């Protein structure tokens, strides 16, 4: 049952992401693209999932390099 719940949660997130892509392509969501430091994007992603990681008894260790890689993106 726990495995099915995890798989269901993954499926829901995947469908949500696909719906977001559809909204972006349809022009319903406008990305505010600008230069973004990759380390900032990764850090935000980690912070947004930290509670879920801890809830599952997991630990995430990262080693973000000193390279200042910049990508074209939207942090929101």
N, C-alpha and C. Protein backbone atom coordinates (compact mmCIF):
# COMPACT_ATOMS: atom_id res chain seq x y z
N UNK A 1 0.83 -1.19 0.00
CA UNK A 1 0.00 0.00 0.00
C UNK A 1 0.87 1.25 0.00
N UNK A 2 1.94 1.25 0.81
CA UNK A 2 2.83 2.41 0.85
C UNK A 2 3.48 2.65 -0.51
N UNK A 3 3.89 1.56 -1.16
CA UNK A 3 4.51 1.70 -2.47
C UNK A 3 3.50 2.28 -3.47
N UNK A 4 2.27 1.82 -3.41
CA UNK A 4 1.25 2.33 -4.32
C UNK A 4 0.99 3.82 -4.06
N UNK A 5 0.99 4.22 -2.79
CA UNK A 5 0.80 5.64 -2.46
C UNK A 5 1.95 6.48 -3.01
N UNK A 6 3.17 5.99 -2.88
CA UNK A 6 4.34 6.72 -3.42
C UNK A 6 4.23 6.85 -4.93
N UNK A 7 3.88 5.75 -5.59
CA UNK A 7 3.76 5.77 -7.04
C UNK A 7 2.64 6.71 -7.48
N UNK A 8 1.55 6.72 -6.74
CA UNK A 8 0.44 7.61 -7.04
C UNK A 8 0.88 9.07 -6.90
N UNK A 9 1.62 9.37 -5.82
CA UNK A 9 2.12 10.74 -5.62
C UNK A 9 3.03 11.16 -6.77
N UNK A 10 3.90 10.25 -7.22
CA UNK A 10 4.78 10.54 -8.36
C UNK A 10 3.96 10.82 -9.62
N UNK A 11 2.94 10.01 -9.82
CA UNK A 11 2.09 10.17 -11.00
C UNK A 11 1.35 11.51 -10.97
N UNK A 12 0.85 11.89 -9.80
CA UNK A 12 0.16 13.18 -9.66
C UNK A 12 1.11 14.32 -9.98
N UNK A 13 2.33 14.26 -9.47
CA UNK A 13 3.31 15.32 -9.75
C UNK A 13 3.66 15.38 -11.23
N UNK A 14 3.78 14.22 -11.85
CA UNK A 14 4.08 14.16 -13.28
C UNK A 14 2.95 14.80 -14.10
N UNK A 15 1.71 14.45 -13.77
CA UNK A 15 0.57 15.04 -14.48
C UNK A 15 0.52 16.54 -14.25
N UNK A 16 0.78 17.01 -13.03
CA UNK A 16 0.81 18.45 -12.75
C UNK A 16 1.87 19.14 -13.60
N UNK A 17 3.04 18.53 -13.69
CA UNK A 17 4.12 19.11 -14.50
C UNK A 17 3.71 19.17 -15.98
N UNK A 18 3.10 18.10 -16.47
CA UNK A 18 2.66 18.09 -17.86
C UNK A 18 1.58 19.14 -18.12
N UNK A 19 0.68 19.33 -17.17
CA UNK A 19 -0.33 20.37 -17.31
C UNK A 19 0.31 21.76 -17.34
N UNK A 20 1.34 21.96 -16.50
CA UNK A 20 2.06 23.24 -16.51
C UNK A 20 2.71 23.48 -17.87
N UNK A 21 3.31 22.45 -18.44
CA UNK A 21 3.93 22.58 -19.76
C UNK A 21 2.87 22.97 -20.79
N UNK A 22 1.70 22.35 -20.70
CA UNK A 22 0.61 22.69 -21.61
C UNK A 22 0.16 24.13 -21.44
N UNK A 23 0.10 24.60 -20.20
CA UNK A 23 -0.29 25.99 -19.95
C UNK A 23 0.75 26.96 -20.49
N UNK A 24 2.01 26.62 -20.34
CA UNK A 24 3.09 27.48 -20.86
C UNK A 24 2.99 27.54 -22.38
N UNK A 25 2.83 26.39 -23.01
CA UNK A 25 2.75 26.35 -24.48
C UNK A 25 1.52 27.09 -25.00
N UNK A 26 0.44 27.08 -24.22
CA UNK A 26 -0.79 27.76 -24.64
C UNK A 26 -0.75 29.26 -24.32
N UNK A 27 0.31 29.69 -23.65
CA UNK A 27 0.43 31.11 -23.32
C UNK A 27 -0.34 31.52 -22.08
N UNK A 28 -0.86 30.56 -21.33
CA UNK A 28 -1.61 30.88 -20.11
C UNK A 28 -0.68 31.21 -18.95
N UNK A 29 0.55 30.73 -19.03
CA UNK A 29 1.58 31.06 -18.06
C UNK A 29 2.73 31.67 -18.84
N UNK A 30 3.16 32.84 -18.41
CA UNK A 30 4.26 33.51 -19.08
C UNK A 30 5.49 33.43 -18.19
N UNK A 31 6.54 32.84 -18.72
CA UNK A 31 7.78 32.74 -17.96
C UNK A 31 8.50 34.09 -17.98
N UNK A 32 9.04 34.45 -16.84
CA UNK A 32 9.82 35.68 -16.72
C UNK A 32 11.30 35.28 -16.83
N UNK A 33 11.72 35.00 -18.05
CA UNK A 33 13.08 34.49 -18.27
C UNK A 33 14.10 35.59 -18.07
N UNK A 34 15.18 35.20 -17.39
CA UNK A 34 16.30 36.10 -17.14
C UNK A 34 17.50 35.24 -16.78
N UNK A 35 18.69 35.82 -16.76
CA UNK A 35 19.85 35.05 -16.33
C UNK A 35 19.71 34.62 -14.87
N UNK A 36 19.90 33.34 -14.63
CA UNK A 36 19.76 32.76 -13.29
C UNK A 36 20.99 31.93 -13.00
N UNK A 37 21.55 32.13 -11.83
CA UNK A 37 22.68 31.28 -11.41
C UNK A 37 22.14 29.87 -11.16
N UNK A 38 22.75 28.88 -11.76
CA UNK A 38 22.31 27.50 -11.64
C UNK A 38 22.30 27.06 -10.18
N UNK A 39 23.29 27.50 -9.41
CA UNK A 39 23.36 27.12 -8.00
C UNK A 39 22.13 27.63 -7.25
N UNK A 40 21.60 28.81 -7.63
CA UNK A 40 20.40 29.34 -6.98
C UNK A 40 19.18 28.49 -7.33
N UNK A 41 19.06 28.06 -8.58
CA UNK A 41 17.94 27.21 -9.00
C UNK A 41 17.98 25.87 -8.27
N UNK A 42 19.16 25.28 -8.18
CA UNK A 42 19.30 23.98 -7.50
C UNK A 42 18.99 24.14 -6.02
N UNK A 43 19.49 25.20 -5.41
CA UNK A 43 19.25 25.44 -3.99
C UNK A 43 17.76 25.59 -3.71
N UNK A 44 17.05 26.33 -4.55
CA UNK A 44 15.60 26.48 -4.38
C UNK A 44 14.89 25.14 -4.51
N UNK A 45 15.30 24.35 -5.48
CA UNK A 45 14.69 23.04 -5.66
C UNK A 45 14.88 22.15 -4.44
N UNK A 46 16.07 22.19 -3.89
CA UNK A 46 16.36 21.40 -2.69
C UNK A 46 15.52 21.87 -1.52
N UNK A 47 15.46 23.18 -1.32
CA UNK A 47 14.69 23.73 -0.20
C UNK A 47 13.21 23.39 -0.32
N UNK A 48 12.69 23.38 -1.54
CA UNK A 48 11.26 23.10 -1.72
C UNK A 48 10.93 21.63 -1.44
N UNK A 49 11.92 20.76 -1.45
CA UNK A 49 11.66 19.34 -1.20
C UNK A 49 12.26 18.84 0.12
N UNK A 50 12.92 19.74 0.85
CA UNK A 50 13.60 19.32 2.09
C UNK A 50 12.64 18.65 3.07
N UNK A 51 11.43 19.19 3.26
CA UNK A 51 10.48 18.60 4.20
C UNK A 51 10.09 17.19 3.77
N UNK A 52 9.88 16.99 2.49
CA UNK A 52 9.52 15.66 1.99
C UNK A 52 10.68 14.69 2.17
N UNK A 53 11.87 15.17 1.95
CA UNK A 53 13.06 14.33 2.12
C UNK A 53 13.17 13.87 3.57
N UNK A 54 13.03 14.82 4.50
CA UNK A 54 13.12 14.50 5.92
C UNK A 54 11.98 13.59 6.36
N UNK A 55 10.79 13.82 5.82
CA UNK A 55 9.61 13.01 6.17
C UNK A 55 9.84 11.54 5.85
N UNK A 56 10.60 11.28 4.80
CA UNK A 56 10.87 9.90 4.41
C UNK A 56 12.13 9.34 5.07
N UNK A 57 12.67 10.10 6.01
CA UNK A 57 13.85 9.62 6.73
C UNK A 57 15.11 9.62 5.89
N UNK A 58 15.14 10.45 4.88
CA UNK A 58 16.30 10.51 3.98
C UNK A 58 17.13 11.74 4.29
N UNK A 59 18.34 11.71 3.82
CA UNK A 59 19.24 12.85 3.97
C UNK A 59 19.82 13.16 2.60
N UNK A 60 19.82 14.42 2.24
CA UNK A 60 20.36 14.84 0.96
C UNK A 60 21.62 15.65 1.20
N UNK A 61 22.70 15.22 0.60
CA UNK A 61 23.97 15.92 0.71
C UNK A 61 24.33 16.45 -0.67
N UNK A 62 24.66 17.72 -0.73
CA UNK A 62 25.03 18.32 -2.00
C UNK A 62 26.41 18.94 -1.92
N UNK A 63 27.05 18.96 -3.04
CA UNK A 63 28.35 19.63 -3.18
C UNK A 63 28.26 20.49 -4.43
N UNK A 64 27.85 21.71 -4.24
CA UNK A 64 27.70 22.62 -5.37
C UNK A 64 29.05 23.26 -5.64
N UNK A 65 29.54 23.07 -6.83
CA UNK A 65 30.86 23.57 -7.20
C UNK A 65 30.94 25.08 -7.17
N UNK A 66 32.13 25.58 -7.28
CA UNK A 66 32.37 27.00 -7.25
C UNK A 66 32.14 27.67 -8.60
N UNK A 67 31.88 26.86 -9.64
CA UNK A 67 31.64 27.44 -10.95
C UNK A 67 30.36 28.27 -10.93
N UNK A 68 30.42 29.44 -11.48
CA UNK A 68 29.25 30.32 -11.51
C UNK A 68 28.55 30.16 -12.86
N UNK A 69 27.83 29.05 -13.01
CA UNK A 69 27.13 28.76 -14.25
C UNK A 69 25.81 29.54 -14.26
N UNK A 70 25.55 30.23 -15.35
CA UNK A 70 24.33 31.01 -15.49
C UNK A 70 23.51 30.44 -16.63
N UNK A 71 22.20 30.27 -16.37
CA UNK A 71 21.29 29.75 -17.39
C UNK A 71 20.15 30.76 -17.58
N UNK A 72 19.42 30.61 -18.67
CA UNK A 72 18.26 31.44 -18.94
C UNK A 72 17.06 30.75 -18.33
N UNK A 73 16.46 31.35 -17.29
CA UNK A 73 15.37 30.65 -16.62
C UNK A 73 14.46 31.57 -15.84
N UNK A 74 13.52 30.97 -15.13
CA UNK A 74 12.55 31.66 -14.30
C UNK A 74 12.52 30.98 -12.96
N UNK A 75 12.97 31.67 -11.93
CA UNK A 75 13.02 31.08 -10.59
C UNK A 75 11.67 30.99 -9.91
N UNK A 76 10.69 31.66 -10.41
CA UNK A 76 9.37 31.65 -9.77
C UNK A 76 8.67 30.41 -10.20
